[in-house]
Each structure stands twice: as structure tokens, then as C-alpha cells.
C-alpha atoms as a PDB file:
ATOM      1  CA  UNK A   1       0.000   0.000   0.000  1.00  0.00           C
ATOM      2  CA  UNK A   2       1.185   3.487  -0.899  1.00  0.00           C
ATOM      3  CA  UNK A   3      -1.337   6.238  -0.289  1.00  0.00           C
ATOM      4  CA  UNK A   4      -1.869   8.171  -3.522  1.00  0.00           C
ATOM      5  CA  UNK A   5      -5.217   9.979  -3.202  1.00  0.00           C
ATOM      6  CA  UNK A   6      -7.341  11.606  -0.461  1.00  0.00           C
ATOM      7  CA  UNK A   7     -11.139  11.768  -0.521  1.00  0.00           C
ATOM      8  CA  UNK A   8     -13.150  13.738   2.051  1.00  0.00           C
ATOM      9  CA  UNK A   9     -16.795  13.850   2.962  1.00  0.00           C
ATOM     10  CA  UNK A  10     -17.917  17.456   3.548  1.00  0.00           C
ATOM     11  CA  UNK A  11     -20.404  17.708   6.440  1.00  0.00           C
ATOM     12  CA  UNK A  12     -18.690  16.708   9.671  1.00  0.00           C
ATOM     13  CA  UNK A  13     -15.307  16.261   7.964  1.00  0.00           C
ATOM     14  CA  UNK A  14     -14.523  19.618   6.359  1.00  0.00           C
ATOM     15  CA  UNK A  15     -17.311  21.781   7.777  1.00  0.00           C
ATOM     16  CA  UNK A  16     -18.701  21.426  11.292  1.00  0.00           C
ATOM     17  CA  UNK A  17     -22.129  21.517   9.683  1.00  0.00           C
ATOM     18  CA  UNK A  18     -23.891  18.417  11.029  1.00  0.00           C
ATOM     19  CA  UNK A  19     -25.592  20.341  13.884  1.00  0.00           C
ATOM     20  CA  UNK A  20     -26.591  23.059  11.393  1.00  0.00           C
ATOM     21  CA  UNK A  21     -28.333  20.545   9.156  1.00  0.00           C
ATOM     22  CA  UNK A  22     -29.996  18.756  12.062  1.00  0.00           C
ATOM     23  CA  UNK A  23     -31.514  22.070  13.182  1.00  0.00           C
ATOM     24  CA  UNK A  24     -32.672  22.769   9.632  1.00  0.00           C
ATOM     25  CA  UNK A  25     -34.317  19.331   9.335  1.00  0.00           C
ATOM     26  CA  UNK A  26     -36.069  19.891  12.654  1.00  0.00           C
ATOM     27  CA  UNK A  27     -37.441  23.217  11.432  1.00  0.00           C
ATOM     28  CA  UNK A  28     -38.485  21.671   8.120  1.00  0.00           C
ATOM     29  CA  UNK A  29     -40.410  18.844   9.785  1.00  0.00           C
ATOM     30  CA  UNK A  30     -42.043  20.940  12.510  1.00  0.00           C
ATOM     31  CA  UNK A  31     -45.350  21.351  10.596  1.00  0.00           C
ATOM     32  CA  UNK A  32     -45.848  17.555  10.592  1.00  0.00           C
ATOM     33  CA  UNK A  33     -46.017  17.417  14.385  1.00  0.00           C
ATOM     34  CA  UNK A  34     -43.505  16.503  17.105  1.00  0.00           C
ATOM     35  CA  UNK A  35     -43.776  12.707  16.764  1.00  0.00           C
ATOM     36  CA  UNK A  36     -43.248  12.737  12.986  1.00  0.00           C
ATOM     37  CA  UNK A  37     -40.456  15.280  13.358  1.00  0.00           C
ATOM     38  CA  UNK A  38     -38.656  13.204  15.960  1.00  0.00           C
ATOM     39  CA  UNK A  39     -38.922  10.041  13.847  1.00  0.00           C
ATOM     40  CA  UNK A  40     -37.382  11.895  10.928  1.00  0.00           C
ATOM     41  CA  UNK A  41     -34.552  13.302  13.061  1.00  0.00           C
ATOM     42  CA  UNK A  42     -33.732   9.840  14.399  1.00  0.00           C
ATOM     43  CA  UNK A  43     -33.617   8.453  10.862  1.00  0.00           C
ATOM     44  CA  UNK A  44     -31.450  11.397   9.781  1.00  0.00           C
ATOM     45  CA  UNK A  45     -28.948  10.804  12.581  1.00  0.00           C
ATOM     46  CA  UNK A  46     -28.725   7.059  11.928  1.00  0.00           C
ATOM     47  CA  UNK A  47     -28.328   7.594   8.180  1.00  0.00           C
ATOM     48  CA  UNK A  48     -25.829  10.438   8.070  1.00  0.00           C
ATOM     49  CA  UNK A  49     -24.396  10.943   4.593  1.00  0.00           C
ATOM     50  CA  UNK A  50     -27.543   9.754   2.810  1.00  0.00           C
ATOM     51  CA  UNK A  51     -29.048  12.220   0.330  1.00  0.00           C
ATOM     52  CA  UNK A  52     -31.711  14.435   1.894  1.00  0.00           C
ATOM     53  CA  UNK A  53     -34.051  13.482  -0.950  1.00  0.00           C
ATOM     54  CA  UNK A  54     -33.790   9.796   0.019  1.00  0.00           C
ATOM     55  CA  UNK A  55     -34.629  10.848   3.583  1.00  0.00           C
ATOM     56  CA  UNK A  56     -37.662  12.753   2.351  1.00  0.00           C
ATOM     57  CA  UNK A  57     -38.828   9.658   0.444  1.00  0.00           C
ATOM     58  CA  UNK A  58     -38.488   7.502   3.554  1.00  0.00           C
ATOM     59  CA  UNK A  59     -40.382  10.056   5.647  1.00  0.00           C
ATOM     60  CA  UNK A  60     -43.337  10.251   3.299  1.00  0.00           C
ATOM     61  CA  UNK A  61     -43.591   6.507   2.741  1.00  0.00           C
ATOM     62  CA  UNK A  62     -42.847   5.208   6.240  1.00  0.00           C
ATOM     63  CA  UNK A  63     -44.124   8.001   8.491  1.00  0.00           C
ATOM     64  CA  UNK A  64     -46.863   9.728   6.507  1.00  0.00           C
ATOM     65  CA  UNK A  65     -47.922   6.736   4.404  1.00  0.00           C
ATOM     66  CA  UNK A  66     -47.959   8.874   1.281  1.00  0.00           C
ATOM     67  CA  UNK A  67     -46.164   8.971  -2.049  1.00  0.00           C
ATOM     68  CA  UNK A  68     -43.700  11.842  -2.311  1.00  0.00           C
ATOM     69  CA  UNK A  69     -44.134  13.709  -5.589  1.00  0.00           C
ATOM     70  CA  UNK A  70     -41.133  15.160  -7.420  1.00  0.00           C
ATOM     71  CA  UNK A  71     -42.595  18.635  -6.952  1.00  0.00           C
ATOM     72  CA  UNK A  72     -42.937  18.230  -3.186  1.00  0.00           C
ATOM     73  CA  UNK A  73     -39.459  16.736  -2.936  1.00  0.00           C
ATOM     74  CA  UNK A  74     -38.006  19.732  -4.754  1.00  0.00           C
ATOM     75  CA  UNK A  75     -39.963  22.103  -2.525  1.00  0.00           C
ATOM     76  CA  UNK A  76     -38.646  20.445   0.639  1.00  0.00           C
ATOM     77  CA  UNK A  77     -35.108  20.535  -0.738  1.00  0.00           C
ATOM     78  CA  UNK A  78     -35.356  24.228  -1.573  1.00  0.00           C
ATOM     79  CA  UNK A  79     -36.681  25.113   1.880  1.00  0.00           C
ATOM     80  CA  UNK A  80     -33.940  23.072   3.526  1.00  0.00           C
ATOM     81  CA  UNK A  81     -31.210  24.736   1.441  1.00  0.00           C
ATOM     82  CA  UNK A  82     -32.572  28.174   2.337  1.00  0.00           C
ATOM     83  CA  UNK A  83     -32.514  27.309   6.054  1.00  0.00           C
ATOM     84  CA  UNK A  84     -28.882  26.160   6.058  1.00  0.00           C
ATOM     85  CA  UNK A  85     -27.136  28.369   3.508  1.00  0.00           C
ATOM     86  CA  UNK A  86     -26.258  31.307   5.736  1.00  0.00           C
ATOM     87  CA  UNK A  87     -25.081  29.053   8.570  1.00  0.00           C
ATOM     88  CA  UNK A  88     -22.913  26.975   6.218  1.00  0.00           C
ATOM     89  CA  UNK A  89     -21.171  30.170   5.154  1.00  0.00           C
ATOM     90  CA  UNK A  90     -20.167  30.828   8.741  1.00  0.00           C
ATOM     91  CA  UNK A  91     -19.821  27.491  10.550  1.00  0.00           C
ATOM     92  CA  UNK A  92     -16.451  26.373  11.880  1.00  0.00           C
ATOM     93  CA  UNK A  93     -14.098  23.954  10.158  1.00  0.00           C
ATOM     94  CA  UNK A  94     -13.460  20.569  11.762  1.00  0.00           C
ATOM     95  CA  UNK A  95     -10.228  20.910  13.797  1.00  0.00           C
ATOM     96  CA  UNK A  96      -7.265  19.577  11.819  1.00  0.00           C
ATOM     97  CA  UNK A  97      -8.800  19.749   8.339  1.00  0.00           C
ATOM     98  CA  UNK A  98      -7.208  23.072   7.376  1.00  0.00           C
ATOM     99  CA  UNK A  99      -3.771  21.816   8.397  1.00  0.00           C
ATOM    100  CA  UNK A 100      -4.320  18.603   6.440  1.00  0.00           C
ATOM    101  CA  UNK A 101      -5.391  20.449   3.302  1.00  0.00           C
ATOM    102  CA  UNK A 102      -2.445  22.836   3.552  1.00  0.00           C
ATOM    103  CA  UNK A 103       0.041  20.012   4.152  1.00  0.00           C
ATOM    104  CA  UNK A 104      -1.025  17.826   1.212  1.00  0.00           C
ATOM    105  CA  UNK A 105      -2.048  20.369  -1.395  1.00  0.00           C
ATOM    106  CA  UNK A 106      -0.001  19.710  -4.524  1.00  0.00           C
ATOM    107  CA  UNK A 107       1.417  16.489  -3.072  1.00  0.00           C
ATOM    108  CA  UNK A 108      -1.595  14.183  -3.350  1.00  0.00           C
ATOM    109  CA  UNK A 109      -4.773  14.618  -5.413  1.00  0.00           C
ATOM    110  CA  UNK A 110      -7.684  15.520  -3.131  1.00  0.00           C
ATOM    111  CA  UNK A 111     -11.421  15.169  -3.760  1.00  0.00           C
ATOM    112  CA  UNK A 112     -14.719  15.823  -2.004  1.00  0.00           C
ATOM    113  CA  UNK A 113     -17.333  13.035  -1.995  1.00  0.00           C
ATOM    114  CA  UNK A 114     -20.535  14.275  -0.343  1.00  0.00           C
ATOM    115  CA  UNK A 115     -24.129  13.126   0.033  1.00  0.00           C
ATOM    116  CA  UNK A 116     -25.304  16.738  -0.305  1.00  0.00           C
ATOM    117  CA  UNK A 117     -26.359  18.067  -3.724  1.00  0.00           C
ATOM    118  CA  UNK A 118     -23.449  18.774  -6.054  1.00  0.00           C
ATOM    119  CA  UNK A 119     -24.289  22.434  -6.696  1.00  0.00           C
ATOM    120  CA  UNK A 120     -24.647  23.190  -2.986  1.00  0.00           C
ATOM    121  CA  UNK A 121     -21.335  21.566  -2.017  1.00  0.00           C
ATOM    122  CA  UNK A 122     -19.479  23.405  -4.774  1.00  0.00           C
ATOM    123  CA  UNK A 123     -21.081  26.746  -3.880  1.00  0.00           C
ATOM    124  CA  UNK A 124     -20.381  26.499  -0.145  1.00  0.00           C
ATOM    125  CA  UNK A 125     -16.767  25.392  -0.572  1.00  0.00           C
ATOM    126  CA  UNK A 126     -16.224  28.130  -3.139  1.00  0.00           C
ATOM    127  CA  UNK A 127     -17.631  30.765  -0.786  1.00  0.00           C
ATOM    128  CA  UNK A 128     -15.409  29.459   2.021  1.00  0.00           C
ATOM    129  CA  UNK A 129     -12.343  29.669  -0.234  1.00  0.00           C
ATOM    130  CA  UNK A 130     -11.757  25.930  -0.009  1.00  0.00           C
ATOM    131  CA  UNK A 131     -12.623  24.766  -3.511  1.00  0.00           C
ATOM    132  CA  UNK A 132      -9.092  25.398  -4.786  1.00  0.00           C
ATOM    133  CA  UNK A 133      -7.698  22.631  -2.614  1.00  0.00           C
ATOM    134  CA  UNK A 134      -9.568  19.940  -4.505  1.00  0.00           C
ATOM    135  CA  UNK A 135      -9.078  18.259  -7.861  1.00  0.00           C
ATOM    136  CA  UNK A 136     -12.807  17.506  -7.933  1.00  0.00           C
ATOM    137  CA  UNK A 137     -15.896  18.161  -5.809  1.00  0.00           C
ATOM    138  CA  UNK A 138     -18.616  15.531  -6.125  1.00  0.00           C
ATOM    139  CA  UNK A 139     -22.105  15.479  -4.594  1.00  0.00           C
ATOM    140  CA  UNK A 140     -25.351  13.582  -4.987  1.00  0.00           C
ATOM    141  CA  UNK A 141     -26.786  12.109  -7.025  1.00  0.00           C
ATOM    142  CA  UNK A 142     -25.560   9.328  -7.369  1.00  0.00           C
ATOM    143  CA  UNK A 143     -24.994   7.465  -4.088  1.00  0.00           C
ATOM    144  CA  UNK A 144     -21.732   7.933  -2.217  1.00  0.00           C
ATOM    145  CA  UNK A 145     -20.279   4.524  -3.099  1.00  0.00           C
ATOM    146  CA  UNK A 146     -20.800   5.280  -6.792  1.00  0.00           C
ATOM    147  CA  UNK A 147     -19.192   8.708  -6.416  1.00  0.00           C
ATOM    148  CA  UNK A 148     -16.193   7.227  -4.613  1.00  0.00           C
ATOM    149  CA  UNK A 149     -15.850   4.460  -7.182  1.00  0.00           C
ATOM    150  CA  UNK A 150     -15.906   7.011  -9.989  1.00  0.00           C
ATOM    151  CA  UNK A 151     -13.132   9.022  -8.314  1.00  0.00           C
ATOM    152  CA  UNK A 152     -10.944   5.916  -7.967  1.00  0.00           C
ATOM    153  CA  UNK A 153     -11.559   4.899 -11.590  1.00  0.00           C
ATOM    154  CA  UNK A 154     -10.931   8.410 -12.842  1.00  0.00           C
ATOM    155  CA  UNK A 155      -7.548   8.474 -11.106  1.00  0.00           C
ATOM    156  CA  UNK A 156      -6.724   4.987 -12.429  1.00  0.00           C
ATOM    157  CA  UNK A 157      -5.658   3.884  -8.957  1.00  0.00           C
ATOM    158  CA  UNK A 158      -5.836   0.703  -6.944  1.00  0.00           C
ATOM    159  CA  UNK A 159      -8.630   1.352  -4.386  1.00  0.00           C
ATOM    160  CA  UNK A 160      -6.234   0.202  -1.639  1.00  0.00           C
ATOM    161  CA  UNK A 161      -4.113   3.289  -2.367  1.00  0.00           C
ATOM    162  CA  UNK A 162      -7.014   5.711  -1.792  1.00  0.00           C
ATOM    163  CA  UNK A 163      -8.146   7.060   1.586  1.00  0.00           C
ATOM    164  CA  UNK A 164     -11.770   8.001   2.310  1.00  0.00           C
ATOM    165  CA  UNK A 165     -12.251  10.272   5.342  1.00  0.00           C
ATOM    166  CA  UNK A 166     -15.769  10.264   6.774  1.00  0.00           C
ATOM    167  CA  UNK A 167     -17.895  10.781   9.858  1.00  0.00           C
ATOM    168  CA  UNK A 168     -20.874   8.505   9.152  1.00  0.00           C
ATOM    169  CA  UNK A 169     -21.573   4.802   8.536  1.00  0.00           C
ATOM    170  CA  UNK A 170     -22.478   5.713   4.956  1.00  0.00           C
ATOM    171  CA  UNK A 171     -18.893   6.874   4.402  1.00  0.00           C
ATOM    172  CA  UNK A 172     -17.469   3.721   5.980  1.00  0.00           C
ATOM    173  CA  UNK A 173     -19.773   1.524   3.900  1.00  0.00           C
ATOM    174  CA  UNK A 174     -18.796   3.337   0.691  1.00  0.00           C
ATOM    175  CA  UNK A 175     -15.119   2.748   1.456  1.00  0.00           C
ATOM    176  CA  UNK A 176     -15.789  -0.939   2.122  1.00  0.00           C
ATOM    177  CA  UNK A 177     -17.815  -1.292  -1.085  1.00  0.00           C
ATOM    178  CA  UNK A 178     -15.138   0.316  -3.237  1.00  0.00           C
ATOM    179  CA  UNK A 179     -12.202  -1.195  -1.343  1.00  0.00           C
ATOM    180  CA  UNK A 180     -10.477   1.995  -0.239  1.00  0.00           C
ATOM    181  CA  UNK A 181      -8.850   2.738   3.090  1.00  0.00           C
ATOM    182  CA  UNK A 182     -11.005   4.544   5.636  1.00  0.00           C
ATOM    183  CA  UNK A 183     -10.308   7.094   8.372  1.00  0.00           C
ATOM    184  CA  UNK A 184     -13.208   7.818  10.714  1.00  0.00           C
ATOM    185  CA  UNK A 185     -13.908  11.011  12.606  1.00  0.00           C
ATOM    186  CA  UNK A 186     -16.495  11.837  15.256  1.00  0.00           C
ATOM    187  CA  UNK A 187     -18.693   9.966  17.735  1.00  0.00           C
ATOM    188  CA  UNK A 188     -20.701   7.842  15.295  1.00  0.00           C
ATOM    189  CA  UNK A 189     -17.682   5.796  14.265  1.00  0.00           C
ATOM    190  CA  UNK A 190     -15.897   5.003  17.512  1.00  0.00           C
ATOM    191  CA  UNK A 191     -14.818   1.427  18.117  1.00  0.00           C
ATOM    192  CA  UNK A 192     -14.235   0.367  14.520  1.00  0.00           C
ATOM    193  CA  UNK A 193     -11.264  -1.525  13.105  1.00  0.00           C
ATOM    194  CA  UNK A 194     -10.133   1.541  11.121  1.00  0.00           C
ATOM    195  CA  UNK A 195      -8.064   4.541  12.270  1.00  0.00           C
ATOM    196  CA  UNK A 196     -10.247   7.106  14.044  1.00  0.00           C
ATOM    197  CA  UNK A 197     -10.065  10.489  15.705  1.00  0.00           C
ATOM    198  CA  UNK A 198     -12.442  12.674  17.688  1.00  0.00           C
ATOM    199  CA  UNK A 199     -11.372  15.352  15.194  1.00  0.00           C
ATOM    200  CA  UNK A 200      -8.793  15.493  12.403  1.00  0.00           C
ATOM    201  CA  UNK A 201      -5.803  16.864  14.295  1.00  0.00           C
ATOM    202  CA  UNK A 202      -3.992  13.548  13.835  1.00  0.00           C
ATOM    203  CA  UNK A 203      -4.933  12.966  10.199  1.00  0.00           C
ATOM    204  CA  UNK A 204      -1.993  14.652   8.484  1.00  0.00           C
ATOM    205  CA  UNK A 205       0.536  12.670  10.542  1.00  0.00           C
ATOM    206  CA  UNK A 206      -1.363   9.440   9.756  1.00  0.00           C
ATOM    207  CA  UNK A 207      -1.238  10.234   6.054  1.00  0.00           C
ATOM    208  CA  UNK A 208       2.491  10.992   6.260  1.00  0.00           C
ATOM    209  CA  UNK A 209       3.062   7.540   7.714  1.00  0.00           C
ATOM    210  CA  UNK A 210       1.261   5.847   4.826  1.00  0.00           C
ATOM    211  CA  UNK A 211       2.492   7.587   1.666  1.00  0.00           C
END
């Protein structure tokens, strides 16, 4: 193994935006009542990294017992984006990510692989002045495992030489599906067989030991 490429999720890995989005989902689901809202928030927390539109589908089918129309899905997505945009412009970075990006810029290709919509991820990272660090910024659709697989294929690399950094089971599962290395961050991923940190202050040193 010789590490040749870095891939980062965005929410909870680059931006400390998971609480921001949880608050926005809570606000979005408030009109459906507290029980429905709480069921959605639990599903959201268990399925971090899944596209919000997949979460909306689950909510309508499993909680409301209704079919979600494309128009309603788009409406929910637009409201959600409006709720979070200003906060995403201002939220903190995950400790250690800036140092990691600075240390490996120009040395290893770096990509973003996010479950958030492509246009939103690009816009937020551009506004934060972070887009220039990355060779590509990829968001949904498609699913995260497909995005990660496309990055690996596009770089013509052995998956074992690529590192995925994520904060949710969806990120871990994508890495397992594609066959890349995985570095976990945050409370959802403690206790796994992969390298892990409460934040990313130790990530750059870990990378240095594996290139």
C-alpha cells in the first residue's frame, strides 16, 4: 500500500455543519407534528451521509404513508437549502482539516465526496475559499459509493491506495464497497477496526506515515 489519493466527505469532515443541518431538518419537519419530526430526526442521525431526498422519500412513505411527488421533494429541498445556507457560510471547520489540506495540497490529489447536492457543495466550498484545494468536488446524485468508485476509476488507482475520510456509517460503507482505506472522525464511528479520531488533528501525521 502506498497512499496516492485523499477523498473527504464534507459535512462533519470539512465543515462542522452536522448540527446546522440537524436544526434545519427539525425546522423543516415541525409542521408535521412533534412525533413525525422526531422520527425523521432519528432516521437522519442514523443515516448520516444519505441524500436528503432519500430521507424525504423515507419520511413520506414510512411516516406519513404517502407517495412523495417530485414537486414536493423539490420544494422540501429548496426550503432546507434556504434554512442552512447562511449558517454553512459561517460554521467552523473541523479541527485539523485546514492543516491537512495545507500540508497535502499539490502532493496528493484531493477530492470531495458528499451526500449533499453537487451544486450546494461546490457553492459552499467556493464561498469558504476551499474549492481550490480539490481536484474535484462531487455530490449527490448518485450514491456515495458510486461517487467514490468514480473518483478511484478516474484516477486509475488501486482502491487500496485511496483514503476516504468520513464521519458517518455511509462513508465507511462506501469505502468498504469500493475497497479503499477509511479514516473515521467523530462519535458515530468510535470502536471500529479503522483509524479514528475525535477530530482530524492527527490525520496529516497518519497520512504521512502511509504515503
